[in-house]
Amino acid sequence: MPSPTASRATADSTSTLGFAPSPRSDDFDSLTQLFLGELDLAQQPAPAAANSIRVETGPSAGAASTSPASDPLGPPPITLLMLGNLPVLGAAWAMQHARSASSARSAPVALAHIRDGILCLDAVGPGSELILETPGDPLRAIARLIDAGAEWILRAAEGDACASVSHAVPRFILLCGGDESSLVAGYRSLRTVIESIRERGDEPDTDSIQAVVLGSPAPEALRAQNRLIDTARRFLGFELQATFGAAKVQSFRPPQCVYRGPWPAGMNELLSEIALARSAPRQFPVASIQRQTPVLSSAIEDVITDPLPRSLTRCPALLADHLPDLRPLTLACPVAPAVQFALDAARSLHILASSNSAAPGSALDQLMAASAWSERNHSLVSRAAGLLARSEHPVLHLFSTTARSLLPMRESGAHLHLLVRIDEATAARGLACVDLH
């Protein structure tokens, strides 16, 4: 509930405007009179110093310029994007805001929204093209976006203040138009969020709730911005961080679709899954698998002569599962789609391929192509992988279940790994990895 000081401030400020203090049910009428009145911009009180104005008119305009700095060692905060009455389509403004946020961080943004039981997860900005689509698996899609270091922006349905999730979201941003009806609707959304936070005994932080006026020329947008700031101060006792952005939607490239599909739950459940995926450590095979003694190249032909049964010849989905010191990455190489990526403890890049799905020479060609691509695009891969160490060349790994196929590869410079069938109870997928290098 609002503090007594805030209540007195509200009563005093409304009296100075000629409004008699009214019950809560009449506040909307008083607010409408305030917005539809003929107050000149010069007559309005100047915004508090905390509400510094930063005018943005370029293509990146549209993101709140007063976003609180996130912990560089932790994940960026989740933002709930509330859409007021906006010109054109609210979804287009939301996409522009996401692109602005992505440009500010030079990292991808995960833009999510739920409509009619369908969850849409899009990756926007630098590195988004490396995040693969995961049809039919929303939880894996969430994990991929988190692995890519994406900032999460959840888009609420237009006109929905989402008070039910106010306890789970650290930051709210309202996007609204500059006309009177848009400001009234935007204020109501802000009021719903602020009061829901106060009802649980907390006081909202001034950096956690922001507003951006969009779709209006600068003079009109500035006037609307100041009205929002003043009205939040008068009626809610809250110092709103507000700014204004672009007057029109800019053209942009379509986002990278990561998931489109059923989501029978709601926004709260989506937030819970994101929080769970962020906090849970990735599960990788531990070093309980007995590593075999390296086999000398002269004795390779004696290791295995019979082909493995068909049920065991397929390598696991993640080749890094056979190497306990590596952490798999959910990256995709456009020039060598068959390879996989991983990081070691020193954050050096490893590239892995299997010769079981292609001829050994073809698999090696894919490794070489992926290595050259990763070196040419080191900064992009580093952002997607998260602080990738700068090394001369990635470490290459070639896997096979047939020893003979690895013989010609001994001088290739790649680490060779022979997969040998053992008891399924003691190794991943019934295969043990024998290092041949």
Foldseek 3Di string as FASTA:
>chain_A
DADPVLVVLLQVVLVVVVDHDDPPVCVLVSLLCVLPDDDDLVPFDDADPVQDEDEAADQLWLAQPLADDDDPVAARFEEEEEEFADPDDSVLSVLSRQQSVCVVVVFWAWEWEDDPQKIWTFIDHFLQVFFAADEPDVLVLLLQCVQQSHHYYYYYDHLDLPLVCLVLGQAYEYEFELHSVRLSSSLVSVVSSQVSQVVVPDGRDQNRYEYEYEQDPPVSRVSSQSSSQVCCCNNPVHRHHYYYTYNDRDDDDDTHTHYIDGDNDDPVVVSVSSVVSRPDDDDADDPQFDADDADELVCLCVPDDDFDPPLQFDADPDNCSQPRQWAWHSTADPVQRQKTWTAGPVLAIEIEHECSVHQQVVRLVSQVVSFVVCVVVVVSVCSRNPNHDDDDTHAYEYEGQHSVSCSVVPPVNHWYWHWDADDCVRGPSRTHIHTHD
